[in-house]
Amino acid sequence: MTKSTRTALILGGSLLFLATAASAHTPLCACYDNGDGTVLCEGGYSDGSSAANVPMIVRNEAGETLLEGAVDANGEFEFERPEGFHDVLFDAGEGHQIVVPQDEIY
């Protein structure tokens, strides 16, 4: 094996490892109607890591904040459904945001 082939294999393997590591931390969030005027959202990451303290923002149709909170240690955020409710933002930073529209809350 030549030096350039070995270097290419090492570089290719490193890039593959980095791509796999980068995709292993995908944010997940789903919200459910509890049937009693409250909504429960569950948040976390695809690799099983905790989303505790990730900000959760409930917004109206104009994008205005109706209420704010955070994912708790159990991966949950629960709130009373406000008037004018439109969506929930799981905001773990750029590239890690999920918007759950009101019509996707069952």
PDB file of N, CA and C in Angstrom:
ATOM      1  N   MET A   1       0.852  -1.170   0.000  1.00  0.00           N
ATOM      2  CA  MET A   1       0.000   0.000   0.000  1.00  0.00           C
ATOM      3  C   MET A   1       0.899   1.234   0.000  1.00  0.00           C
ATOM      4  N   THR A   2       0.604   2.143  -0.917  1.00  0.00           N
ATOM      5  CA  THR A   2       1.407   3.359  -1.000  1.00  0.00           C
ATOM      6  C   THR A   2       1.010   4.345   0.082  1.00  0.00           C
ATOM      7  N   LYS A   3       1.898   5.299   0.304  1.00  0.00           N
ATOM      8  CA  LYS A   3       1.640   6.310   1.321  1.00  0.00           C
ATOM      9  C   LYS A   3       0.389   7.133   0.974  1.00  0.00           C
ATOM     10  N   SER A   4       0.197   7.465  -0.301  1.00  0.00           N
ATOM     11  CA  SER A   4      -0.958   8.271  -0.696  1.00  0.00           C
ATOM     12  C   SER A   4      -2.261   7.475  -0.540  1.00  0.00           C
ATOM     13  N   THR A   5      -2.229   6.163  -0.793  1.00  0.00           N
ATOM     14  CA  THR A   5      -3.413   5.323  -0.605  1.00  0.00           C
ATOM     15  C   THR A   5      -3.763   5.234   0.869  1.00  0.00           C
ATOM     16  N   ARG A   6      -2.753   5.030   1.699  1.00  0.00           N
ATOM     17  CA  ARG A   6      -2.963   4.946   3.142  1.00  0.00           C
ATOM     18  C   ARG A   6      -3.531   6.269   3.669  1.00  0.00           C
ATOM     19  N   THR A   7      -3.004   7.398   3.219  1.00  0.00           N
ATOM     20  CA  THR A   7      -3.492   8.710   3.629  1.00  0.00           C
ATOM     21  C   THR A   7      -4.948   8.901   3.201  1.00  0.00           C
ATOM     22  N   ALA A   8      -5.277   8.480   1.987  1.00  0.00           N
ATOM     23  CA  ALA A   8      -6.650   8.605   1.492  1.00  0.00           C
ATOM     24  C   ALA A   8      -7.604   7.752   2.323  1.00  0.00           C
ATOM     25  N   LEU A   9      -7.187   6.538   2.686  1.00  0.00           N
ATOM     26  CA  LEU A   9      -8.025   5.665   3.501  1.00  0.00           C
ATOM     27  C   LEU A   9      -8.242   6.258   4.901  1.00  0.00           C
ATOM     28  N   ILE A  10      -7.203   6.797   5.483  1.00  0.00           N
ATOM     29  CA  ILE A  10      -7.317   7.399   6.808  1.00  0.00           C
ATOM     30  C   ILE A  10      -8.234   8.626   6.743  1.00  0.00           C
ATOM     31  N   LEU A  11      -8.036   9.462   5.740  1.00  0.00           N
ATOM     32  CA  LEU A  11      -8.867  10.655   5.589  1.00  0.00           C
ATOM     33  C   LEU A  11     -10.328  10.267   5.348  1.00  0.00           C
ATOM     34  N   GLY A  12     -10.556   9.286   4.472  1.00  0.00           N
ATOM     35  CA  GLY A  12     -11.925   8.831   4.192  1.00  0.00           C
ATOM     36  C   GLY A  12     -12.586   8.242   5.423  1.00  0.00           C
ATOM     37  N   GLY A  13     -11.861   7.434   6.183  1.00  0.00           N
ATOM     38  CA  GLY A  13     -12.400   6.859   7.411  1.00  0.00           C
ATOM     39  C   GLY A  13     -12.712   7.928   8.441  1.00  0.00           C
ATOM     40  N   SER A  14     -11.856   8.927   8.537  1.00  0.00           N
ATOM     41  CA  SER A  14     -12.092  10.027   9.482  1.00  0.00           C
ATOM     42  C   SER A  14     -13.339  10.816   9.109  1.00  0.00           C
ATOM     43  N   LEU A  15     -13.521  11.088   7.829  1.00  0.00           N
ATOM     44  CA  LEU A  15     -14.701  11.816   7.379  1.00  0.00           C
ATOM     45  C   LEU A  15     -15.972  11.008   7.631  1.00  0.00           C
ATOM     46  N   LEU A  16     -15.906   9.709   7.389  1.00  0.00           N
ATOM     47  CA  LEU A  16     -17.058   8.849   7.643  1.00  0.00           C
ATOM     48  C   LEU A  16     -17.397   8.845   9.134  1.00  0.00           C
ATOM     49  N   PHE A  17     -16.399   8.762   9.987  1.00  0.00           N
ATOM     50  CA  PHE A  17     -16.618   8.797  11.429  1.00  0.00           C
ATOM     51  C   PHE A  17     -17.261  10.113  11.847  1.00  0.00           C
ATOM     52  N   LEU A  18     -16.730  11.228  11.338  1.00  0.00           N
ATOM     53  CA  LEU A  18     -17.287  12.534  11.697  1.00  0.00           C
ATOM     54  C   LEU A  18     -18.726  12.684  11.206  1.00  0.00           C
ATOM     55  N   ALA A  19     -19.036  12.186  10.031  1.00  0.00           N
ATOM     56  CA  ALA A  19     -20.403  12.270   9.508  1.00  0.00           C
ATOM     57  C   ALA A  19     -21.345  11.444  10.370  1.00  0.00           C
ATOM     58  N   THR A  20     -20.911  10.271  10.792  1.00  0.00           N
ATOM     59  CA  THR A  20     -21.735   9.422  11.650  1.00  0.00           C
ATOM     60  C   THR A  20     -21.940  10.073  13.010  1.00  0.00           C
ATOM     61  N   ALA A  21     -20.896  10.628  13.577  1.00  0.00           N
ATOM     62  CA  ALA A  21     -20.993  11.273  14.889  1.00  0.00           C
ATOM     63  C   ALA A  21     -21.907  12.493  14.819  1.00  0.00           C
ATOM     64  N   ALA A  22     -21.831  13.240  13.728  1.00  0.00           N
ATOM     65  CA  ALA A  22     -22.650  14.435  13.604  1.00  0.00           C
ATOM     66  C   ALA A  22     -24.128  14.094  13.491  1.00  0.00           C
ATOM     67  N   SER A  23     -24.453  12.995  12.833  1.00  0.00           N
ATOM     68  CA  SER A  23     -25.858  12.646  12.645  1.00  0.00           C
ATOM     69  C   SER A  23     -26.438  11.884  13.829  1.00  0.00           C
ATOM     70  N   ALA A  24     -25.631  11.532  14.794  1.00  0.00           N
ATOM     71  CA  ALA A  24     -26.086  10.726  15.921  1.00  0.00           C
ATOM     72  C   ALA A  24     -26.765  11.558  17.001  1.00  0.00           C
ATOM     73  N   HIS A  25     -26.854  12.849  16.814  1.00  0.00           N
ATOM     74  CA  HIS A  25     -27.391  13.735  17.850  1.00  0.00           C
ATOM     75  C   HIS A  25     -28.574  14.528  17.295  1.00  0.00           C
ATOM     76  N   THR A  26     -29.482  13.853  16.636  1.00  0.00           N
ATOM     77  CA  THR A  26     -30.645  14.502  16.033  1.00  0.00           C
ATOM     78  C   THR A  26     -31.686  14.801  17.110  1.00  0.00           C
ATOM     79  N   PRO A  27     -32.201  16.040  17.153  1.00  0.00           N
ATOM     80  CA  PRO A  27     -33.224  16.349  18.141  1.00  0.00           C
ATOM     81  C   PRO A  27     -34.556  15.693  17.787  1.00  0.00           C
ATOM     82  N   LEU A  28     -35.301  15.328  18.816  1.00  0.00           N
ATOM     83  CA  LEU A  28     -36.623  14.713  18.657  1.00  0.00           C
ATOM     84  C   LEU A  28     -37.594  15.433  19.573  1.00  0.00           C
ATOM     85  N   CYS A  29     -38.802  15.712  19.082  1.00  0.00           N
ATOM     86  CA  CYS A  29     -39.814  16.338  19.912  1.00  0.00           C
ATOM     87  C   CYS A  29     -41.189  16.002  19.350  1.00  0.00           C
ATOM     88  N   ALA A  30     -42.074  15.606  20.243  1.00  0.00           N
ATOM     89  CA  ALA A  30     -43.462  15.335  19.877  1.00  0.00           C
ATOM     90  C   ALA A  30     -44.344  15.844  21.003  1.00  0.00           C
ATOM     91  N   CYS A  31     -45.547  16.312  20.646  1.00  0.00           N
ATOM     92  CA  CYS A  31     -46.468  16.852  21.638  1.00  0.00           C
ATOM     93  C   CYS A  31     -47.808  16.139  21.533  1.00  0.00           C
ATOM     94  N   TYR A  32     -48.473  15.987  22.679  1.00  0.00           N
ATOM     95  CA  TYR A  32     -49.723  15.234  22.765  1.00  0.00           C
ATOM     96  C   TYR A  32     -50.762  16.027  23.547  1.00  0.00           C
ATOM     97  N   ASP A  33     -51.991  15.983  23.067  1.00  0.00           N
ATOM     98  CA  ASP A  33     -53.113  16.613  23.769  1.00  0.00           C
ATOM     99  C   ASP A  33     -53.546  15.668  24.882  1.00  0.00           C
ATOM    100  N   ASN A  34     -53.517  16.127  26.125  1.00  0.00           N
ATOM    101  CA  ASN A  34     -53.905  15.290  27.260  1.00  0.00           C
ATOM    102  C   ASN A  34     -55.421  15.161  27.411  1.00  0.00           C
ATOM    103  N   GLY A  35     -56.186  15.937  26.629  1.00  0.00           N
ATOM    104  CA  GLY A  35     -57.632  15.869  26.694  1.00  0.00           C
ATOM    105  C   GLY A  35     -58.241  16.626  27.857  1.00  0.00           C
ATOM    106  N   ASP A  36     -57.414  17.340  28.608  1.00  0.00           N
ATOM    107  CA  ASP A  36     -57.915  18.101  29.762  1.00  0.00           C
ATOM    108  C   ASP A  36     -57.521  19.572  29.687  1.00  0.00           C
ATOM    109  N   GLY A  37     -57.205  20.043  28.466  1.00  0.00           N
ATOM    110  CA  GLY A  37     -56.786  21.426  28.284  1.00  0.00           C
ATOM    111  C   GLY A  37     -55.291  21.627  28.425  1.00  0.00           C
ATOM    112  N   THR A  38     -54.543  20.533  28.613  1.00  0.00           N
ATOM    113  CA  THR A  38     -53.095  20.623  28.710  1.00  0.00           C
ATOM    114  C   THR A  38     -52.451  19.849  27.570  1.00  0.00           C
ATOM    115  N   VAL A  39     -51.209  20.200  27.289  1.00  0.00           N
ATOM    116  CA  VAL A  39     -50.424  19.554  26.243  1.00  0.00           C
ATOM    117  C   VAL A  39     -49.128  19.060  26.877  1.00  0.00           C
ATOM    118  N   LEU A  40     -48.719  17.849  26.528  1.00  0.00           N
ATOM    119  CA  LEU A  40     -47.455  17.274  26.996  1.00  0.00           C
ATOM    120  C   LEU A  40     -46.530  17.113  25.804  1.00  0.00           C
ATOM    121  N   CYS A  41     -45.346  17.699  25.899  1.00  0.00           N
ATOM    122  CA  CYS A  41     -44.324  17.533  24.869  1.00  0.00           C
ATOM    123  C   CYS A  41     -43.185  16.705  25.445  1.00  0.00           C
ATOM    124  N   GLU A  42     -42.657  15.819  24.617  1.00  0.00           N
ATOM    125  CA  GLU A  42     -41.497  15.007  25.001  1.00  0.00           C
ATOM    126  C   GLU A  42     -40.353  15.348  24.064  1.00  0.00           C
ATOM    127  N   GLY A  43     -39.195  15.631  24.636  1.00  0.00           N
ATOM    128  CA  GLY A  43     -38.036  15.999  23.825  1.00  0.00           C
ATOM    129  C   GLY A  43     -36.799  15.242  24.247  1.00  0.00           C
ATOM    130  N   GLY A  44     -35.931  15.016  23.286  1.00  0.00           N
ATOM    131  CA  GLY A  44     -34.674  14.334  23.543  1.00  0.00           C
ATOM    132  C   GLY A  44     -33.838  14.314  22.274  1.00  0.00           C
ATOM    133  N   TYR A  45     -32.863  13.414  22.244  1.00  0.00           N
ATOM    134  CA  TYR A  45     -31.980  13.282  21.094  1.00  0.00           C
ATOM    135  C   TYR A  45     -31.926  11.823  20.661  1.00  0.00           C
ATOM    136  N   SER A  46     -31.681  11.630  19.380  1.00  0.00           N
ATOM    137  CA  SER A  46     -31.695  10.281  18.808  1.00  0.00           C
ATOM    138  C   SER A  46     -30.633   9.368  19.401  1.00  0.00           C
ATOM    139  N   ASP A  47     -29.589   9.920  19.981  1.00  0.00           N
ATOM    140  CA  ASP A  47     -28.551   9.090  20.589  1.00  0.00           C
ATOM    141  C   ASP A  47     -28.851   8.770  22.053  1.00  0.00           C
ATOM    142  N   GLY A  48     -30.035   9.190  22.520  1.00  0.00           N
ATOM    143  CA  GLY A  48     -30.447   8.897  23.892  1.00  0.00           C
ATOM    144  C   GLY A  48     -30.028   9.942  24.910  1.00  0.00           C
ATOM    145  N   SER A  49     -29.305  10.956  24.469  1.00  0.00           N
ATOM    146  CA  SER A  49     -28.874  11.968  25.440  1.00  0.00           C
ATOM    147  C   SER A  49     -30.043  12.856  25.848  1.00  0.00           C
ATOM    148  N   SER A  50     -29.917  13.430  27.013  1.00  0.00           N
ATOM    149  CA  SER A  50     -30.979  14.224  27.620  1.00  0.00           C
ATOM    150  C   SER A  50     -31.134  15.583  26.945  1.00  0.00           C
ATOM    151  N   ALA A  51     -32.383  16.044  26.899  1.00  0.00           N
ATOM    152  CA  ALA A  51     -32.678  17.400  26.418  1.00  0.00           C
ATOM    153  C   ALA A  51     -33.102  18.284  27.590  1.00  0.00           C
ATOM    154  N   ALA A  52     -32.774  17.863  28.805  1.00  0.00           N
ATOM    155  CA  ALA A  52     -33.131  18.650  29.988  1.00  0.00           C
ATOM    156  C   ALA A  52     -32.644  20.086  29.829  1.00  0.00           C
ATOM    157  N   ASN A  53     -33.517  21.008  30.180  1.00  0.00           N
ATOM    158  CA  ASN A  53     -33.251  22.449  30.144  1.00  0.00           C
ATOM    159  C   ASN A  53     -33.278  23.070  28.752  1.00  0.00           C
ATOM    160  N   VAL A  54     -33.621  22.288  27.732  1.00  0.00           N
ATOM    161  CA  VAL A  54     -33.782  22.879  26.399  1.00  0.00           C
ATOM    162  C   VAL A  54     -35.016  23.780  26.437  1.00  0.00           C
ATOM    163  N   PRO A  55     -34.883  25.025  25.991  1.00  0.00           N
ATOM    164  CA  PRO A  55     -36.034  25.936  25.997  1.00  0.00           C
ATOM    165  C   PRO A  55     -37.173  25.447  25.103  1.00  0.00           C
ATOM    166  N   MET A  56     -38.391  25.637  25.591  1.00  0.00           N
ATOM    167  CA  MET A  56     -39.611  25.333  24.851  1.00  0.00           C
ATOM    168  C   MET A  56     -40.427  26.619  24.803  1.00  0.00           C
ATOM    169  N   ILE A  57     -40.873  26.985  23.614  1.00  0.00           N
ATOM    170  CA  ILE A  57     -41.600  28.238  23.440  1.00  0.00           C
ATOM    171  C   ILE A  57     -42.931  27.948  22.750  1.00  0.00           C
ATOM    172  N   VAL A  58     -44.018  28.371  23.385  1.00  0.00           N
ATOM    173  CA  VAL A  58     -45.355  28.217  22.824  1.00  0.00           C
ATOM    174  C   VAL A  58     -45.690  29.551  22.168  1.00  0.00           C
ATOM    175  N   ARG A  59     -46.063  29.503  20.866  1.00  0.00           N
ATOM    176  CA  ARG A  59     -46.271  30.738  20.109  1.00  0.00           C
ATOM    177  C   ARG A  59     -47.659  30.787  19.482  1.00  0.00           C
ATOM    178  N   ASN A  60     -48.092  32.003  19.182  1.00  0.00           N
ATOM    179  CA  ASN A  60     -49.352  32.171  18.465  1.00  0.00           C
ATOM    180  C   ASN A  60     -49.065  32.221  16.967  1.00  0.00           C
ATOM    181  N   GLU A  61     -50.117  32.421  16.170  1.00  0.00           N
ATOM    182  CA  GLU A  61     -49.968  32.400  14.711  1.00  0.00           C
ATOM    183  C   GLU A  61     -49.042  33.491  14.190  1.00  0.00           C
ATOM    184  N   ALA A  62     -48.938  34.600  14.911  1.00  0.00           N
ATOM    185  CA  ALA A  62     -48.058  35.698  14.513  1.00  0.00           C
ATOM    186  C   ALA A  62     -46.606  35.448  14.927  1.00  0.00           C
ATOM    187  N   GLY A  63     -46.346  34.320  15.602  1.00  0.00           N
ATOM    188  CA  GLY A  63     -45.000  34.007  16.053  1.00  0.00           C
ATOM    189  C   GLY A  63     -44.640  34.631  17.384  1.00  0.00           C
ATOM    190  N   GLU A  64     -45.610  35.250  18.031  1.00  0.00           N
ATOM    191  CA  GLU A  64     -45.372  35.876  19.329  1.00  0.00           C
ATOM    192  C   GLU A  64     -45.372  34.827  20.433  1.00  0.00           C
ATOM    193  N   THR A  65     -44.512  34.993  21.403  1.00  0.00           N
ATOM    194  CA  THR A  65     -44.401  34.059  22.513  1.00  0.00           C
ATOM    195  C   THR A  65     -45.602  34.187  23.436  1.00  0.00           C
ATOM    196  N   LEU A  66     -46.270  33.053  23.662  1.00  0.00           N
ATOM    197  CA  LEU A  66     -47.388  33.006  24.601  1.00  0.00           C
ATOM    198  C   LEU A  66     -46.915  32.540  25.970  1.00  0.00           C
ATOM    199  N   LEU A  67     -45.978  31.594  25.977  1.00  0.00           N
ATOM    200  CA  LEU A  67     -45.362  31.155  27.227  1.00  0.00           C
ATOM    201  C   LEU A  67     -44.067  30.434  26.929  1.00  0.00           C
ATOM    202  N   GLU A  68     -43.204  30.407  27.923  1.00  0.00           N
ATOM    203  CA  GLU A  68     -41.901  29.775  27.789  1.00  0.00           C
ATOM    204  C   GLU A  68     -41.689  28.810  28.941  1.00  0.00           C
ATOM    205  N   GLY A  69     -40.895  27.819  28.691  1.00  0.00           N
ATOM    206  CA  GLY A  69     -40.523  26.852  29.713  1.00  0.00           C
ATOM    207  C   GLY A  69     -39.298  26.103  29.230  1.00  0.00           C
ATOM    208  N   ALA A  70     -39.096  24.919  29.779  1.00  0.00           N
ATOM    209  CA  ALA A  70     -37.949  24.101  29.389  1.00  0.00           C
ATOM    210  C   ALA A  70     -38.288  22.632  29.595  1.00  0.00           C
ATOM    211  N   VAL A  71     -37.598  21.797  28.867  1.00  0.00           N
ATOM    212  CA  VAL A  71     -37.717  20.351  29.045  1.00  0.00           C
ATOM    213  C   VAL A  71     -37.176  20.015  30.430  1.00  0.00           C
ATOM    214  N   ASP A  72     -37.913  19.175  31.166  1.00  0.00           N
ATOM    215  CA  ASP A  72     -37.456  18.809  32.512  1.00  0.00           C
ATOM    216  C   ASP A  72     -36.515  17.600  32.461  1.00  0.00           C
ATOM    217  N   ALA A  73     -36.073  17.147  33.608  1.00  0.00           N
ATOM    218  CA  ALA A  73     -35.121  16.032  33.702  1.00  0.00           C
ATOM    219  C   ALA A  73     -35.685  14.729  33.137  1.00  0.00           C
ATOM    220  N   ASN A  74     -37.023  14.626  33.040  1.00  0.00           N
ATOM    221  CA  ASN A  74     -37.661  13.436  32.471  1.00  0.00           C
ATOM    222  C   ASN A  74     -37.900  13.558  30.973  1.00  0.00           C
ATOM    223  N   GLY A  75     -37.439  14.663  30.370  1.00  0.00           N
ATOM    224  CA  GLY A  75     -37.623  14.872  28.940  1.00  0.00           C
ATOM    225  C   GLY A  75     -39.002  15.384  28.580  1.00  0.00           C
ATOM    226  N   GLU A  76     -39.692  16.032  29.540  1.00  0.00           N
ATOM    227  CA  GLU A  76     -41.059  16.476  29.317  1.00  0.00           C
ATOM    228  C   GLU A  76     -41.224  17.976  29.548  1.00  0.00           C
ATOM    229  N   PHE A  77     -42.202  18.519  28.848  1.00  0.00           N
ATOM    230  CA  PHE A  77     -42.625  19.905  29.029  1.00  0.00           C
ATOM    231  C   PHE A  77     -44.143  19.897  28.903  1.00  0.00           C
ATOM    232  N   GLU A  78     -44.832  20.317  29.945  1.00  0.00           N
ATOM    233  CA  GLU A  78     -46.293  20.306  29.945  1.00  0.00           C
ATOM    234  C   GLU A  78     -46.805  21.722  30.164  1.00  0.00           C
ATOM    235  N   PHE A  79     -47.883  22.066  29.454  1.00  0.00           N
ATOM    236  CA  PHE A  79     -48.439  23.409  29.593  1.00  0.00           C
ATOM    237  C   PHE A  79     -49.941  23.390  29.347  1.00  0.00           C
ATOM    238  N   GLU A  80     -50.608  24.413  29.875  1.00  0.00           N
ATOM    239  CA  GLU A  80     -52.026  24.592  29.610  1.00  0.00           C
ATOM    240  C   GLU A  80     -52.162  25.255  28.251  1.00  0.00           C
ATOM    241  N   ARG A  81     -53.032  24.697  27.426  1.00  0.00           N
ATOM    242  CA  ARG A  81     -53.206  25.213  26.065  1.00  0.00           C
ATOM    243  C   ARG A  81     -53.801  26.628  26.133  1.00  0.00           C
ATOM    244  N   PRO A  82     -53.033  27.640  25.692  1.00  0.00           N
ATOM    245  CA  PRO A  82     -53.533  29.019  25.758  1.00  0.00           C
ATOM    246  C   PRO A  82     -54.436  29.355  24.567  1.00  0.00           C
ATOM    247  N   GLU A  83     -55.209  30.439  24.724  1.00  0.00           N
ATOM    248  CA  GLU A  83     -55.999  30.959  23.602  1.00  0.00           C
ATOM    249  C   GLU A  83     -55.026  31.442  22.524  1.00  0.00           C
ATOM    250  N   GLY A  84     -55.387  31.266  21.285  1.00  0.00           N
ATOM    251  CA  GLY A  84     -54.537  31.722  20.196  1.00  0.00           C
ATOM    252  C   GLY A  84     -53.322  30.846  19.957  1.00  0.00           C
ATOM    253  N   PHE A  85     -53.291  29.693  20.588  1.00  0.00           N
ATOM    254  CA  PHE A  85     -52.169  28.764  20.462  1.00  0.00           C
ATOM    255  C   PHE A  85     -51.961  28.376  19.006  1.00  0.00           C
ATOM    256  N   HIS A  86     -50.701  28.242  18.587  1.00  0.00           N
ATOM    257  CA  HIS A  86     -50.414  27.852  17.214  1.00  0.00           C
ATOM    258  C   HIS A  86     -49.335  26.771  17.092  1.00  0.00           C
ATOM    259  N   ASP A  87     -48.186  26.927  17.758  1.00  0.00           N
ATOM    260  CA  ASP A  87     -47.139  25.909  17.666  1.00  0.00           C
ATOM    261  C   ASP A  87     -46.225  25.927  18.884  1.00  0.00           C
ATOM    262  N   VAL A  88     -45.373  24.898  18.958  1.00  0.00           N
ATOM    263  CA  VAL A  88     -44.400  24.763  20.034  1.00  0.00           C
ATOM    264  C   VAL A  88     -43.018  24.663  19.390  1.00  0.00           C
ATOM    265  N   LEU A  89     -42.080  25.446  19.900  1.00  0.00           N
ATOM    266  CA  LEU A  89     -40.709  25.420  19.404  1.00  0.00           C
ATOM    267  C   LEU A  89     -39.809  24.756  20.433  1.00  0.00           C
ATOM    268  N   PHE A  90     -39.157  23.663  20.040  1.00  0.00           N
ATOM    269  CA  PHE A  90     -38.096  23.010  20.807  1.00  0.00           C
ATOM    270  C   PHE A  90     -36.828  23.682  20.312  1.00  0.00           C
ATOM    271  N   ASP A  91     -36.161  24.478  21.154  1.00  0.00           N
ATOM    272  CA  ASP A  91     -35.070  25.335  20.697  1.00  0.00           C
ATOM    273  C   ASP A  91     -33.735  24.978  21.334  1.00  0.00           C
ATOM    274  N   ALA A  92     -33.090  23.972  20.773  1.00  0.00           N
ATOM    275  CA  ALA A  92     -31.788  23.543  21.275  1.00  0.00           C
ATOM    276  C   ALA A  92     -30.641  24.203  20.512  1.00  0.00           C
ATOM    277  N   GLY A  93     -30.932  25.293  19.815  1.00  0.00           N
ATOM    278  CA  GLY A  93     -29.902  26.028  19.102  1.00  0.00           C
ATOM    279  C   GLY A  93     -29.952  25.771  17.599  1.00  0.00           C
ATOM    280  N   GLU A  94     -29.152  26.530  16.885  1.00  0.00           N
ATOM    281  CA  GLU A  94     -29.138  26.449  15.428  1.00  0.00           C
ATOM    282  C   GLU A  94     -28.911  25.015  14.948  1.00  0.00           C
ATOM    283  N   GLY A  95     -29.765  24.569  14.052  1.00  0.00           N
ATOM    284  CA  GLY A  95     -29.677  23.218  13.523  1.00  0.00           C
ATOM    285  C   GLY A  95     -30.320  22.177  14.424  1.00  0.00           C
ATOM    286  N   HIS A  96     -30.791  22.588  15.579  1.00  0.00           N
ATOM    287  CA  HIS A  96     -31.414  21.682  16.531  1.00  0.00           C
ATOM    288  C   HIS A  96     -32.751  22.246  17.019  1.00  0.00           C
ATOM    289  N   GLN A  97     -33.499  22.819  16.101  1.00  0.00           N
ATOM    290  CA  GLN A  97     -34.805  23.360  16.423  1.00  0.00           C
ATOM    291  C   GLN A  97     -35.888  22.522  15.756  1.00  0.00           C
ATOM    292  N   ILE A  98     -36.963  22.310  16.480  1.00  0.00           N
ATOM    293  CA  ILE A  98     -38.116  21.596  15.949  1.00  0.00           C
ATOM    294  C   ILE A  98     -39.362  22.413  16.262  1.00  0.00           C
ATOM    295  N   VAL A  99     -40.180  22.627  15.243  1.00  0.00           N
ATOM    296  CA  VAL A  99     -41.461  23.295  15.440  1.00  0.00           C
ATOM    297  C   VAL A  99     -42.553  22.231  15.327  1.00  0.00           C
ATOM    298  N   VAL A 100     -43.373  22.133  16.371  1.00  0.00           N
ATOM    299  CA  VAL A 100     -44.515  21.217  16.365  1.00  0.00           C
ATOM    300  C   VAL A 100     -45.777  22.054  16.176  1.00  0.00           C
ATOM    301  N   PRO A 101     -46.358  22.031  14.958  1.00  0.00           N
ATOM    302  CA  PRO A 101     -47.572  22.815  14.714  1.00  0.00           C
ATOM    303  C   PRO A 101     -48.755  22.275  15.515  1.00  0.00           C
ATOM    304  N   GLN A 102     -49.682  23.162  15.796  1.00  0.00           N
ATOM    305  CA  GLN A 102     -50.878  22.790  16.568  1.00  0.00           C
ATOM    306  C   GLN A 102     -51.610  21.601  15.946  1.00  0.00           C
ATOM    307  N   ASP A 103     -51.672  21.543  14.613  1.00  0.00           N
ATOM    308  CA  ASP A 103     -52.418  20.454  13.973  1.00  0.00           C
ATOM    309  C   ASP A 103     -51.703  19.107  14.006  1.00  0.00           C
ATOM    310  N   GLU A 104     -50.490  19.059  14.549  1.00  0.00           N
ATOM    311  CA  GLU A 104     -49.767  17.787  14.713  1.00  0.00           C
ATOM    312  C   GLU A 104     -49.761  17.321  16.167  1.00  0.00           C
ATOM    313  N   ILE A 105     -50.591  17.970  16.999  1.00  0.00           N
ATOM    314  CA  ILE A 105     -50.703  17.583  18.403  1.00  0.00           C
ATOM    315  C   ILE A 105     -51.997  16.784  18.562  1.00  0.00           C
ATOM    316  N   TYR A 106     -51.868  15.497  18.835  1.00  0.00           N
ATOM    317  CA  TYR A 106     -53.026  14.597  18.902  1.00  0.00           C
ATOM    318  C   TYR A 106     -53.320  14.186  20.331  1.00  0.00           C
TER     319      TYR A 106
END
